[in-house]
Amino acid sequence: MTRLRFALLNAAHDGANTRRNFRREIDADLVEFDAVDGDLPDHTEFDGVVVTGSRSSVYWDEAWIPPLVDYVAEAADAGVPVLGVCYGHQVLAEALGGRVAGMDGFEIGYNEIRRVRDDPLFEGIGETFTAFTTHGDAVVELPPSATLLAENDRGVHAFRDGHCWGVQFHPEYDAETARDVTDGKRDQIGDARVDAVLESITPEAYDAACEAKALFENFTAYAERLAAERADAAAADD
């Protein structure tokens, strides 16, 4: 089978770390679009769509956000597998009829997350696992047809709706990105908390969080199976 082709909708305002991380973790040809600049595909002819994190909130009044939400809804409706990460998870929730709101406080650092049911996306990942989180918003209402997959005491951390998955945490982060993002939160959460989180970004913590990276391979494998099934069905119709 030919190599998979995914649309990478980069919603990061400074996308260099984001680009590096997703290109390292996803074994597919990534066609990148700068969503913040209003750059989006004009079709949904991809094997998958991946939506990245962002420092924006889905509910902010910024011109680039509604078209991004609309495109994700269009891709989902077309049956394209979608993976939304952090902000992308929130975009996916909004696109499918859920709701996102600001949290009481901010979740940041390596945190424990609990799976609440089995799903192909989490194959090979433990019932409790460690992942880096950094967010002040959360999905407070799942889309009507979505299923909760993972959570912690701060809220929803993963859901599935058909061929679409959202994860609130950041499995793509390397330690460098975790440090950069944390250091950039000083104005938001204060020096003391930032310094404490920086101290917790250790090789051991990063190694523990690498377990969650399996979801990228699982998503790609799912997209590959789906593409093969559709190719077989199309061949049978000829």
Protein backbone atom coordinates (compact mmCIF):
# COMPACT_ATOMS: atom_id res chain seq x y z
CA MET A 1 0.00 0.00 0.00
CA THR A 2 1.19 3.54 -0.72
CA ARG A 3 2.33 5.71 2.18
CA LEU A 4 -0.45 7.44 4.11
CA ARG A 5 -1.01 11.14 3.58
CA PHE A 6 -2.23 13.21 6.54
CA ALA A 7 -3.16 16.88 6.76
CA LEU A 8 -1.36 18.49 9.71
CA LEU A 9 -3.40 21.51 10.78
CA ASN A 10 -0.82 23.47 12.77
CA ALA A 11 -2.63 25.80 15.19
CA ALA A 12 0.52 26.79 17.10
CA HIS A 13 1.39 30.47 16.77
CA ASP A 14 5.09 29.60 16.71
CA GLY A 15 4.96 26.23 15.03
CA ALA A 16 8.61 25.10 14.97
CA ASN A 17 8.50 22.81 18.04
CA THR A 18 5.06 21.58 17.02
CA ARG A 19 6.21 20.75 13.50
CA ARG A 20 9.29 18.89 14.76
CA ASN A 21 7.34 16.87 17.31
CA PHE A 22 4.56 15.69 15.02
CA ARG A 23 6.92 14.94 12.13
CA ARG A 24 9.00 12.80 14.50
CA GLU A 25 6.06 10.86 15.93
CA ILE A 26 3.79 10.26 12.92
CA ASP A 27 4.89 7.77 10.28
CA ALA A 28 3.04 9.29 7.33
CA ASP A 29 3.49 12.02 4.76
CA LEU A 30 2.34 15.19 6.53
CA VAL A 31 0.96 18.02 4.43
CA GLU A 32 1.19 21.00 6.76
CA PHE A 33 -1.25 23.90 6.88
CA ASP A 34 -0.76 27.03 8.99
CA ALA A 35 -4.25 27.20 10.48
CA VAL A 36 -3.51 30.42 12.41
CA ASP A 37 -2.75 32.14 9.10
CA GLY A 38 -6.05 30.93 7.65
CA ASP A 39 -4.33 28.27 5.58
CA LEU A 40 -6.60 25.21 5.37
CA PRO A 41 -7.10 22.44 2.80
CA ASP A 42 -9.72 22.97 0.10
CA HIS A 43 -10.65 19.28 0.13
CA THR A 44 -10.79 16.32 2.51
CA GLU A 45 -8.92 13.82 0.32
CA PHE A 46 -6.53 12.72 3.06
CA ASP A 47 -6.01 9.45 4.90
CA GLY A 48 -6.18 11.37 8.17
CA VAL A 49 -6.27 14.84 9.70
CA VAL A 50 -4.23 15.87 12.75
CA VAL A 51 -4.98 19.10 14.63
CA THR A 52 -2.27 20.45 16.93
CA GLY A 53 -2.16 22.42 20.14
CA SER A 54 -2.36 26.20 20.34
CA ARG A 55 -2.13 28.99 22.90
CA SER A 56 -5.54 30.22 21.71
CA SER A 57 -8.93 29.20 23.08
CA VAL A 58 -11.56 27.74 20.78
CA TYR A 59 -14.10 30.31 21.96
CA TRP A 60 -11.91 33.37 21.32
CA ASP A 61 -13.07 35.87 18.71
CA GLU A 62 -10.29 35.25 16.20
CA ALA A 63 -11.00 35.08 12.47
CA TRP A 64 -9.06 31.85 11.82
CA ILE A 65 -10.85 29.72 14.43
CA PRO A 66 -14.37 29.20 12.96
CA PRO A 67 -13.00 28.05 9.55
CA LEU A 68 -10.76 25.55 11.35
CA VAL A 69 -13.70 24.18 13.34
CA ASP A 70 -15.79 24.01 10.16
CA TYR A 71 -13.07 22.15 8.25
CA VAL A 72 -12.68 19.58 11.03
CA ALA A 73 -16.47 19.06 11.01
CA GLU A 74 -16.35 18.60 7.23
CA ALA A 75 -13.49 16.08 7.44
CA ALA A 76 -15.27 14.12 10.16
CA ASP A 77 -18.50 14.11 8.13
CA ALA A 78 -16.54 12.79 5.14
CA GLY A 79 -15.35 9.84 7.24
CA VAL A 80 -11.71 10.97 7.45
CA PRO A 81 -9.95 9.81 10.64
CA VAL A 82 -9.19 12.86 12.79
CA LEU A 83 -6.81 13.15 15.74
CA GLY A 84 -7.01 16.34 17.79
CA VAL A 85 -4.33 17.05 20.39
CA CYS A 86 -4.95 19.52 23.27
CA TYR A 87 -6.38 22.55 21.43
CA GLY A 88 -7.09 20.18 18.55
CA HIS A 89 -9.07 17.98 20.95
CA GLN A 90 -11.14 21.01 21.89
CA VAL A 91 -11.61 22.01 18.23
CA LEU A 92 -12.83 18.49 17.47
CA ALA A 93 -15.26 18.59 20.40
CA GLU A 94 -16.72 21.91 19.18
CA ALA A 95 -16.86 20.67 15.59
CA LEU A 96 -18.90 17.63 16.60
CA GLY A 97 -21.33 19.44 18.88
CA GLY A 98 -19.58 19.43 22.26
CA ARG A 99 -18.62 22.41 24.40
CA VAL A 100 -15.35 23.83 25.70
CA ALA A 101 -14.96 26.25 28.61
CA GLY A 102 -12.25 27.76 30.75
CA MET A 103 -11.09 25.73 33.74
CA ASP A 104 -10.83 26.77 37.35
CA GLY A 105 -7.04 27.03 37.31
CA PHE A 106 -4.46 25.55 34.97
CA GLU A 107 -3.21 21.98 34.56
CA ILE A 108 0.47 21.76 33.67
CA GLY A 109 3.26 19.21 34.02
CA TYR A 110 3.52 15.43 33.93
CA ASN A 111 0.23 14.12 35.27
CA GLU A 112 -1.49 10.78 35.65
CA ILE A 113 -4.46 10.00 33.41
CA ARG A 114 -6.92 7.10 33.72
CA ARG A 115 -8.40 5.19 30.83
CA VAL A 116 -12.06 4.39 31.43
CA ARG A 117 -12.51 1.91 28.56
CA ASP A 118 -10.55 0.05 25.93
CA ASP A 119 -10.10 1.53 22.49
CA PRO A 120 -7.74 0.86 19.55
CA LEU A 121 -6.13 4.28 20.05
CA PHE A 122 -4.88 3.20 23.49
CA GLU A 123 -3.66 -0.27 22.57
CA GLY A 124 -0.45 -0.95 24.48
CA ILE A 125 -1.03 1.94 26.90
CA GLY A 126 -1.75 1.17 30.55
CA GLU A 127 -5.02 1.79 32.37
CA THR A 128 -3.23 4.64 34.12
CA PHE A 129 -0.46 6.45 32.29
CA THR A 130 1.65 9.59 32.53
CA ALA A 131 1.49 12.44 30.01
CA PHE A 132 2.48 16.09 29.84
CA THR A 133 -0.48 18.44 30.11
CA THR A 134 -0.71 22.19 29.67
CA HIS A 135 -4.17 23.71 29.36
CA GLY A 136 -6.55 26.20 30.92
CA ASP A 137 -9.59 25.05 28.93
CA ALA A 138 -11.38 21.71 28.94
CA VAL A 139 -14.14 19.86 27.13
CA VAL A 140 -17.05 20.28 29.53
CA GLU A 141 -19.68 18.62 27.32
CA LEU A 142 -18.80 15.74 25.01
CA PRO A 143 -20.30 15.69 21.51
CA PRO A 144 -23.69 13.90 21.58
CA SER A 145 -22.40 10.69 19.95
CA ALA A 146 -18.94 10.69 21.58
CA THR A 147 -17.58 8.16 24.09
CA LEU A 148 -15.32 9.13 27.00
CA LEU A 149 -12.02 7.23 26.86
CA ALA A 150 -9.79 8.84 29.51
CA GLU A 151 -9.95 11.40 32.31
CA ASN A 152 -8.38 12.63 35.51
CA ASP A 153 -9.59 14.83 38.33
CA ARG A 154 -9.23 17.88 36.06
CA GLY A 155 -11.67 16.56 33.47
CA VAL A 156 -11.92 14.87 30.07
CA HIS A 157 -8.60 13.73 28.59
CA ALA A 158 -9.73 11.63 25.63
CA PHE A 159 -12.87 10.84 23.66
CA ARG A 160 -13.88 9.06 20.49
CA ASP A 161 -16.62 9.85 18.00
CA GLY A 162 -16.67 7.49 15.01
CA HIS A 163 -13.33 7.74 13.21
CA CYS A 164 -12.33 10.77 15.31
CA TRP A 165 -10.33 11.00 18.53
CA GLY A 166 -9.42 13.90 20.79
CA VAL A 167 -6.71 13.79 23.47
CA GLN A 168 -6.25 16.68 25.89
CA PHE A 169 -2.68 15.77 26.83
CA HIS A 170 0.48 16.13 24.70
CA PRO A 171 1.94 12.73 23.73
CA GLU A 172 4.07 14.42 21.04
CA TYR A 173 6.10 16.58 23.44
CA ASP A 174 9.80 16.02 23.93
CA ALA A 175 11.45 17.34 27.09
CA GLU A 176 12.70 20.47 25.29
CA THR A 177 9.16 21.42 24.29
CA ALA A 178 7.84 20.73 27.79
CA ARG A 179 10.46 23.11 29.22
CA ASP A 180 9.87 25.83 26.60
CA VAL A 181 6.10 25.76 27.01
CA THR A 182 6.33 25.75 30.81
CA ASP A 183 8.79 28.65 30.88
CA GLY A 184 6.41 30.63 28.68
CA LYS A 185 3.66 30.41 31.30
CA ARG A 186 5.32 32.67 33.92
CA ASP A 187 2.91 35.56 33.36
CA GLN A 188 -0.04 33.18 33.52
CA ILE A 189 0.75 30.97 36.51
CA GLY A 190 3.66 32.65 38.28
CA ASP A 191 7.37 31.96 38.71
CA ALA A 192 7.07 29.62 41.69
CA ARG A 193 4.78 27.19 39.92
CA VAL A 194 6.75 27.36 36.68
CA ASP A 195 9.99 26.63 38.53
CA ALA A 196 8.39 23.66 40.30
CA VAL A 197 7.15 22.19 37.03
CA LEU A 198 10.55 22.73 35.40
CA GLU A 199 12.17 20.76 38.21
CA SER A 200 9.73 17.90 37.54
CA ILE A 201 10.70 17.64 33.84
CA THR A 202 13.28 14.91 34.38
CA PRO A 203 14.51 12.13 32.09
CA GLU A 204 12.58 9.66 34.23
CA ALA A 205 9.32 11.60 33.86
CA TYR A 206 9.80 11.92 30.12
CA ASP A 207 10.55 8.20 29.80
CA ALA A 208 7.33 7.39 31.66
CA ALA A 209 5.36 9.70 29.35
CA CYS A 210 6.76 8.01 26.24
CA GLU A 211 4.26 5.16 26.77
CA ALA A 212 1.48 7.44 25.50
CA LYS A 213 3.32 8.02 22.21
CA ALA A 214 1.97 4.63 21.11
CA LEU A 215 -1.30 6.34 20.24
CA PHE A 216 0.30 7.90 17.15
CA GLU A 217 1.23 4.47 15.80
CA ASN A 218 -2.25 3.23 16.73
CA PHE A 219 -3.95 6.13 14.93
CA THR A 220 -1.81 5.58 11.84
CA ALA A 221 -2.54 1.84 11.88
CA TYR A 222 -6.28 2.55 12.14
CA ALA A 223 -6.12 5.00 9.22
CA GLU A 224 -4.18 2.44 7.18
CA ARG A 225 -6.76 -0.28 7.86
CA LEU A 226 -9.59 2.06 6.94
CA ALA A 227 -7.87 3.12 3.71
CA ALA A 228 -7.29 -0.53 2.79
CA GLU A 229 -10.93 -1.42 3.46
CA ARG A 230 -12.12 1.46 1.30
CA ALA A 231 -9.72 0.52 -1.50
CA ASP A 232 -10.96 -3.08 -1.40
CA ALA A 233 -14.58 -1.92 -1.48
CA ALA A 234 -13.89 0.40 -4.42
CA ALA A 235 -12.14 -2.43 -6.30
CA ALA A 236 -15.08 -4.75 -5.67
CA ASP A 237 -17.44 -2.16 -7.15
CA ASP A 238 -15.44 -1.88 -10.39
